[in-house]
Amino acid sequence: MFSFVARQAIFDANMNTVGYELLFRDSMTNRFPDVTPEYATAQIIVEQFLGAPLGRLKEYSAIFVNFPYELLIQGMAETLPKDRVIVEILETAKPTPQLLNTVKKLSAHGFRIALDDFALGDTWNAFLPYISIIKFDVRENTPDEISGYINDKAHLLKDTIFLAEKVETQEEYECFRNMGCTLFQGHFFSKPVIHSANKLFQNQEITLKLMKEVNADSPDFGRIEALLKQDLALSFKIMRYAQNIVFNARGIKNFRSQSLKDVIFYLGTNELRRFVLVSCLTSVNKVKTDDIYYQSLIRARFCELASAHSISRHSADDAFIVGLFSQLDRIFEMPMADLLSQIDISASVMMALKEQKGPLYPYLQLIELYENHNWEEVSALGHRLGFNRSMVAELIKAATKWTNAIPSDVS
């Protein structure tokens, strides 16, 4: 299954590409689908920042993401990396006191905010000191109106960057460049280009159970961990999510989580609720879990059980992640090293998945040998780990039983 996004380039005054605006699409048809703005933005967050590797966009420093009023108020913008994202206030948003407080908070935390397609006048005056970029729609406003606004609000716009959007001709480009616009967007420069990528899909029933659990009066973190471990997509996404939250809060990108348990503990109840909320918004999915997902879950449970029963007794939590993420490269059709750079995992997990060595790799190697019916090698490796072949078979059976007990989507 694929995710789709249209990217429209944003240019500086010298016509160099400096970033992109991401526009939700649900197919290769280049038009906005019949969905709510909330759903569209939630899909952008999940598919482009939590699911698909952000490395696809790494060469551009500015990524503009539209946010409708409700998602801004709910704090969803805070889930994205503030060094990469420009939070664009959607034109349908109303300038309420609650939105102003949200914008002040985002600005104080280091986010850059763009005001898009707004009514020229005094309505947004209170917001202007916190706005980094103002986008002027040159199809909706005349050059005189835009110039008048810039001059009238000059005392509030000392450090504000002006972007002219929907520019369609050379004359318009020159006009607005001379007016003081330093960023440009429109068909004169580049039309939106649709990109597709392999998509991680999540189990809707598990997502809904998570929603119920995190909103309980006293959430059970053990139960939350157990639910996350049943879904490859949610496990990968919450690690990406945690990395964004850590960077936004601490300004560091090297938070080395040891397990899902560590991630859950670090995020806490409020961030878990926000993660599950955005996951629920995008969980409607008619695609059944395919063989790769099924096999990955069996591998995860097997590695967990094997590590707990082996003579070496390595971390069962880390072993679970090794098995669960062992086929991410097949799912995304990307190098494993590129994928692992998007999440924070322990050194032993990294070594097993990236280099096929280290203390945890033998557990993954053992089940791979079993899958390929290499019985002599299964016996030899199993012996080194403290298992005979029948014990390996029993662990496989237990892992398969655990995986089969996971609820399947019925949507």
Foldseek 3Di string as FASTA:
>chain_A
DKFKWWWFFKAFLVLDTQETEIWGDRDQPPDHDPDDLLLRLLCCCQWQQQWDFVVVRVVHQEYEGEDEAVCLLLVVVLLHAQRRYEYEYDQVHAPDPSSLVSLVVCLVLRHAYEYEDYDQDCRCLSNLLSHAEYEDECVVDPLVSVLVSCVVCVVSCVRHAYEYEQDQDPVSSVSVVVSRHGMYTHVNSNDIGMDMFQTFAWFLVLLVVLLVQLPDPDRDLVVNQVSCLLILSSQSRLQLSLQSNCCSVPVDRADADAAVSSSDVVCDSSNSNSSSVSCNSNRDDDDWDDPVQLQLQLLLQLLLVLLCPFPVNDHSRLLSVLSNCLCVCVRGVHQPVSSPSSGHYDPQSCCCRRVVDHDSNLSSVLVVCVVVVVQVVNQVSQVVRPHHPVVSVVSSVVSSVVNVPPDIHPD
